[in-house]
């Protein structure tokens, strides 16, 4: 199932907006709920709280079909009165980055930095920003929202994710393009069986999972299931110090399109059991596909 890629158009505020499928509201309902629970649990314990968004978009979304406008992840984050104190945004498209800059300026948002770089480079730059912030303001907690749009190859590599999170108290909320990765591996498996597979065919997905081509090739002899890919990526995150992934049900939220076909999963990861407690509360309040509110 191919994901229909978002397109740019003009929003009602005169700035660029992103036209997206209606399933985005379901994805963002988890983000909204997490930020609310995070704020209530952390605002009195941590003076500095950061939000990182490597694929921020322009901040305003237009729902395909209904033409309804609603806030994207950056405006959701800055809109919570006690959620975060510092913000780091990035979008590879300079039009999105500029539109977001103007929207944040209109809202009077301070303590934010906006990049327009490939996510890989932005992760490294923001990692340096976070280390400077820790030197200046002391330790902090936060959330990194990793929500790649379009091609699954745009997903940040494990190397960049390691740089971003090393030594940091950052929870992760990741859009994991399960169906796209299954399709990529299926195509690679077909070439493997025909004897035409090249090492470079696996470079992108190997970088995401943090394994070499010879190890990935072992997986091509059998069909990669959804559960296999989710478990493999969670084991990858465990190498970065993340352990508390899910609620007691152990089932990641699945985001579906308008005909109920699965598109991707949301993976949550935390280095502290409190993060796991937050996520368990969020999932208990979730509907099968819709808003928490």
Protein backbone atom coordinates (compact mmCIF):
# COMPACT_ATOMS: atom_id res chain seq x y z
CA UNK A 1 0.00 0.00 0.00
CA UNK A 2 1.64 3.21 -1.19
CA UNK A 3 1.24 6.25 1.05
CA UNK A 4 -0.15 9.25 -0.79
CA UNK A 5 2.47 11.89 -0.21
CA UNK A 6 1.47 15.27 1.23
CA UNK A 7 1.42 18.24 -1.11
CA UNK A 8 1.92 21.94 -0.50
CA UNK A 9 -0.76 24.60 -0.91
CA UNK A 10 -1.62 27.99 0.53
CA UNK A 11 -3.24 28.04 3.96
CA UNK A 12 -5.94 30.46 5.06
CA UNK A 13 -3.29 32.51 6.91
CA UNK A 14 -1.43 33.22 3.67
CA UNK A 15 1.43 30.84 4.38
CA UNK A 16 2.30 27.44 2.93
CA UNK A 17 0.34 24.50 4.40
CA UNK A 18 0.60 20.74 3.94
CA UNK A 19 -2.33 18.79 2.47
CA UNK A 20 -2.45 15.39 4.16
CA UNK A 21 -4.64 12.32 4.57
CA UNK A 22 -7.26 12.23 7.35
CA UNK A 23 -5.28 9.59 9.26
CA UNK A 24 -2.84 12.31 10.37
CA UNK A 25 -5.33 13.42 13.03
CA UNK A 26 -5.15 9.97 14.59
CA UNK A 27 -1.35 10.04 14.63
CA UNK A 28 -1.32 13.50 16.18
CA UNK A 29 -3.86 12.52 18.82
CA UNK A 30 -1.13 10.37 20.40
CA UNK A 31 1.27 13.30 20.32
CA UNK A 32 -1.28 15.64 21.91
CA UNK A 33 -2.06 13.16 24.65
CA UNK A 34 1.61 12.50 25.36
CA UNK A 35 2.43 16.22 25.64
CA UNK A 36 -0.46 16.75 28.04
CA UNK A 37 0.58 13.88 30.34
CA UNK A 38 4.26 14.84 30.05
CA UNK A 39 3.48 18.44 31.08
CA UNK A 40 1.47 17.41 34.10
CA UNK A 41 4.16 15.00 35.22
CA UNK A 42 7.27 17.10 34.53
CA UNK A 43 6.52 20.82 34.72
CA UNK A 44 7.29 21.09 38.45
CA UNK A 45 10.23 18.68 38.40
CA UNK A 46 12.22 19.97 35.43
CA UNK A 47 12.78 23.62 34.68
CA UNK A 48 14.01 22.89 31.14
CA UNK A 49 11.92 20.69 28.83
CA UNK A 50 12.71 20.33 25.13
CA UNK A 51 10.81 19.30 22.02
CA UNK A 52 12.65 18.10 18.91
CA UNK A 53 10.92 17.64 15.54
CA UNK A 54 13.13 16.54 12.63
CA UNK A 55 10.30 16.55 10.03
CA UNK A 56 8.23 19.49 11.22
CA UNK A 57 6.46 20.60 8.05
CA UNK A 58 5.05 24.16 7.88
CA UNK A 59 2.99 23.88 11.08
CA UNK A 60 -0.44 23.96 9.39
CA UNK A 61 -2.18 20.97 7.80
CA UNK A 62 -5.13 20.77 5.42
CA UNK A 63 -7.08 17.54 5.50
CA UNK A 64 -7.58 15.96 2.09
CA UNK A 65 -11.28 15.64 1.29
CA UNK A 66 -12.75 17.87 3.99
CA UNK A 67 -10.33 20.81 3.50
CA UNK A 68 -10.34 21.25 7.26
CA UNK A 69 -7.27 23.06 8.62
CA UNK A 70 -5.59 22.03 11.84
CA UNK A 71 -2.27 22.39 13.61
CA UNK A 72 0.73 20.27 12.73
CA UNK A 73 3.16 18.86 15.29
CA UNK A 74 5.15 22.11 15.85
CA UNK A 75 2.06 24.14 16.71
CA UNK A 76 0.68 21.31 18.83
CA UNK A 77 3.93 21.37 20.84
CA UNK A 78 4.19 25.13 21.28
CA UNK A 79 0.45 25.42 21.92
CA UNK A 80 0.56 23.59 25.26
CA UNK A 81 0.98 26.24 27.98
CA UNK A 82 3.28 24.15 30.21
CA UNK A 83 4.63 21.46 27.89
CA UNK A 84 8.08 22.58 26.77
CA UNK A 85 10.46 25.48 27.25
CA UNK A 86 12.77 25.01 24.23
CA UNK A 87 12.02 23.89 20.67
CA UNK A 88 14.16 22.54 17.83
CA UNK A 89 12.50 22.15 14.43
CA UNK A 90 13.67 21.02 11.02
CA UNK A 91 12.24 20.51 7.57
CA UNK A 92 14.30 19.79 4.48
CA UNK A 93 11.95 21.97 2.37
CA UNK A 94 12.88 25.61 2.93
CA UNK A 95 9.30 26.66 2.10
CA UNK A 96 8.03 24.67 5.07
CA UNK A 97 10.75 25.98 7.35
CA UNK A 98 10.04 29.61 6.40
CA UNK A 99 6.27 29.21 6.85
CA UNK A 100 6.83 27.64 10.27
CA UNK A 101 9.18 30.46 11.23
CA UNK A 102 6.49 33.03 10.41
CA UNK A 103 3.76 31.13 12.27
CA UNK A 104 5.88 30.84 15.39
CA UNK A 105 6.80 34.52 15.16
CA UNK A 106 3.12 35.48 15.00
CA UNK A 107 2.53 33.46 18.16
CA UNK A 108 5.44 35.08 19.95
CA UNK A 109 7.29 31.80 20.49
CA UNK A 110 10.81 32.24 21.84
CA UNK A 111 13.52 29.70 22.60
CA UNK A 112 13.09 27.96 19.25
CA UNK A 113 15.53 27.10 16.49
CA UNK A 114 14.52 26.13 12.97
CA UNK A 115 16.71 24.30 10.48
CA UNK A 116 16.12 23.46 6.83
CA UNK A 117 18.42 20.49 6.31
CA UNK A 118 18.23 16.79 5.51
CA UNK A 119 17.11 15.11 8.73
CA UNK A 120 20.44 13.34 9.02
CA UNK A 121 22.37 16.61 9.24
CA UNK A 122 19.71 18.34 11.32
CA UNK A 123 19.94 15.59 13.95
CA UNK A 124 23.67 16.26 14.30
CA UNK A 125 23.17 20.02 14.52
CA UNK A 126 20.41 19.71 17.10
CA UNK A 127 22.54 17.26 19.09
CA UNK A 128 25.16 20.01 19.36
CA UNK A 129 22.44 22.51 20.35
CA UNK A 130 21.22 20.20 23.11
CA UNK A 131 24.71 19.83 24.53
CA UNK A 132 25.13 23.60 24.61
CA UNK A 133 21.75 23.93 26.29
CA UNK A 134 22.71 21.40 28.95
CA UNK A 135 25.95 23.29 29.60
CA UNK A 136 24.08 26.59 29.96
CA UNK A 137 20.85 25.52 31.68
CA UNK A 138 21.64 22.19 33.29
CA UNK A 139 20.05 18.82 32.65
CA UNK A 140 16.65 18.54 30.99
CA UNK A 141 13.98 16.14 29.77
CA UNK A 142 12.13 16.12 26.50
CA UNK A 143 10.59 14.40 23.51
CA UNK A 144 11.92 13.86 20.00
CA UNK A 145 9.14 13.37 17.45
CA UNK A 146 10.55 11.42 14.49
CA UNK A 147 7.89 11.58 11.78
CA UNK A 148 9.40 11.06 8.31
CA UNK A 149 7.15 12.05 5.42
CA UNK A 150 7.10 10.47 1.99
CA UNK A 151 9.89 8.09 1.03
CA UNK A 152 10.94 5.61 3.75
CA UNK A 153 14.52 6.42 2.77
CA UNK A 154 14.06 9.82 4.45
CA UNK A 155 14.13 8.13 7.87
CA UNK A 156 17.08 9.27 9.96
CA UNK A 157 19.84 6.69 10.37
CA UNK A 158 20.73 4.98 13.61
CA UNK A 159 24.06 6.85 13.59
CA UNK A 160 22.32 10.24 13.61
CA UNK A 161 19.74 9.07 16.14
CA UNK A 162 22.57 7.93 18.39
CA UNK A 163 24.20 11.36 18.20
CA UNK A 164 20.89 13.05 19.00
CA UNK A 165 20.04 10.93 22.05
CA UNK A 166 23.42 9.99 23.54
CA UNK A 167 23.43 10.99 27.19
CA UNK A 168 20.09 12.80 26.80
CA UNK A 169 16.83 12.28 28.68
CA UNK A 170 14.81 12.25 25.47
CA UNK A 171 11.75 10.09 24.93
CA UNK A 172 11.12 9.07 21.32
CA UNK A 173 7.87 8.94 19.38
CA UNK A 174 8.62 7.47 15.96
CA UNK A 175 6.48 6.99 12.88
CA UNK A 176 7.69 3.60 11.71
CA UNK A 177 6.77 3.01 8.06
CA UNK A 178 6.18 -0.70 8.50
CA UNK A 179 4.49 -1.33 5.16
CA UNK A 180 7.14 0.59 3.22
CA UNK A 181 9.96 -1.31 4.92
CA UNK A 182 8.24 -4.63 4.23
CA UNK A 183 7.92 -3.64 0.59
CA UNK A 184 11.58 -2.60 0.41
CA UNK A 185 12.72 -5.89 1.90
CA UNK A 186 10.37 -7.84 -0.36
CA UNK A 187 11.89 -6.20 -3.43
CA UNK A 188 15.40 -6.88 -2.11
CA UNK A 189 14.45 -10.51 -1.42
CA UNK A 190 13.30 -10.93 -5.02
CA UNK A 191 16.64 -9.65 -6.30
CA UNK A 192 18.43 -11.85 -3.76
CA UNK A 193 16.68 -14.97 -5.07
CA UNK A 194 17.50 -13.99 -8.66
CA UNK A 195 21.13 -13.39 -7.72
CA UNK A 196 21.00 -9.71 -8.76
CA UNK A 197 21.09 -8.09 -5.31
CA UNK A 198 23.79 -5.46 -4.85
CA UNK A 199 25.14 -4.23 -1.51
CA UNK A 200 23.99 -0.71 -2.29
CA UNK A 201 20.41 -1.99 -2.57
CA UNK A 202 20.43 -2.48 1.21
CA UNK A 203 22.37 0.59 2.29
CA UNK A 204 19.36 2.74 3.14
CA UNK A 205 17.45 0.25 5.25
CA UNK A 206 20.66 -1.02 6.87
CA UNK A 207 21.44 2.53 8.02
CA UNK A 208 17.99 2.81 9.59
CA UNK A 209 18.31 -0.45 11.52
CA UNK A 210 22.00 -0.04 12.26
CA UNK A 211 23.09 -3.38 10.84
CA UNK A 212 25.42 -4.30 7.97
CA UNK A 213 24.37 -5.70 4.61
CA UNK A 214 25.52 -9.25 5.36
CA UNK A 215 23.33 -9.39 8.47
CA UNK A 216 20.35 -7.91 6.61
CA UNK A 217 20.83 -10.42 3.79
CA UNK A 218 20.15 -13.24 6.27
CA UNK A 219 16.64 -11.86 6.77
CA UNK A 220 15.87 -11.97 3.04
CA UNK A 221 15.56 -15.73 3.01
CA UNK A 222 12.27 -15.49 4.86
CA UNK A 223 9.42 -13.04 4.55
CA UNK A 224 9.73 -10.18 7.02
CA UNK A 225 6.55 -9.88 9.07
CA UNK A 226 5.28 -6.72 10.72
CA UNK A 227 6.14 -8.10 14.14
CA UNK A 228 9.63 -9.06 13.04
CA UNK A 229 10.40 -5.53 11.79
CA UNK A 230 8.97 -3.85 14.89
CA UNK A 231 10.94 -6.15 17.18
CA UNK A 232 14.10 -5.64 15.14
CA UNK A 233 13.85 -1.87 15.37
CA UNK A 234 13.08 -1.96 19.07
CA UNK A 235 16.19 -4.07 19.62
CA UNK A 236 18.06 -1.39 17.69
CA UNK A 237 16.76 1.27 20.07
CA UNK A 238 17.71 -0.84 23.06
CA UNK A 239 21.33 -0.41 21.98
CA UNK A 240 20.83 3.33 22.57
CA UNK A 241 19.59 2.78 26.12
CA UNK A 242 15.86 2.67 25.42
CA UNK A 243 13.86 -0.01 27.15
CA UNK A 244 10.30 0.97 28.00
CA UNK A 245 8.51 0.80 24.69
CA UNK A 246 4.88 -0.03 25.22
CA UNK A 247 2.02 -0.43 27.63
CA UNK A 248 1.32 -3.79 29.18
CA UNK A 249 -0.54 -4.91 26.05
CA UNK A 250 2.67 -4.67 24.03
CA UNK A 251 0.86 -3.61 20.86
CA UNK A 252 2.04 -0.53 18.96
CA UNK A 253 -0.65 1.82 17.64
CA UNK A 254 -1.25 1.25 13.94
CA UNK A 255 -2.23 4.14 11.68
CA UNK A 256 -4.60 3.18 8.85
CA UNK A 257 -5.78 4.92 5.71
CA UNK A 258 -9.39 5.63 4.77
CA UNK A 259 -10.04 2.03 3.70
CA UNK A 260 -8.54 0.72 6.97
CA UNK A 261 -5.36 -0.61 5.37
CA UNK A 262 -2.34 -0.31 7.71
CA UNK A 263 0.19 2.37 6.77
CA UNK A 264 2.59 2.65 9.68
CA UNK A 265 3.00 2.12 13.41
CA UNK A 266 3.90 4.48 16.21
CA UNK A 267 6.86 3.33 18.28
CA UNK A 268 7.39 4.89 21.68
CA UNK A 269 10.70 4.52 23.52
CA UNK A 270 11.96 5.91 26.81
CA UNK A 271 15.07 5.50 28.93
CA UNK A 272 13.05 5.71 32.13
CA UNK A 273 10.14 3.70 33.45
CA UNK A 274 8.17 6.91 33.97
CA UNK A 275 8.03 7.36 30.21
CA UNK A 276 6.61 3.88 29.88
CA UNK A 277 3.97 4.77 32.46
CA UNK A 278 3.00 7.85 30.46
CA UNK A 279 2.63 5.82 27.28
CA UNK A 280 0.54 3.16 29.02
CA UNK A 281 -1.90 5.87 30.15
CA UNK A 282 -2.06 7.26 26.62
CA UNK A 283 -2.83 3.89 25.05
CA UNK A 284 -5.49 3.03 27.60
CA UNK A 285 -7.30 6.22 26.60
CA UNK A 286 -6.96 5.69 22.84
CA UNK A 287 -9.77 4.86 20.45
CA UNK A 288 -9.20 2.38 17.59
CA UNK A 289 -8.80 5.22 15.07
CA UNK A 290 -9.72 8.69 16.18
CA UNK A 291 -9.14 11.45 18.66
CA UNK A 292 -8.54 11.04 22.37
CA UNK A 293 -10.80 13.98 23.11
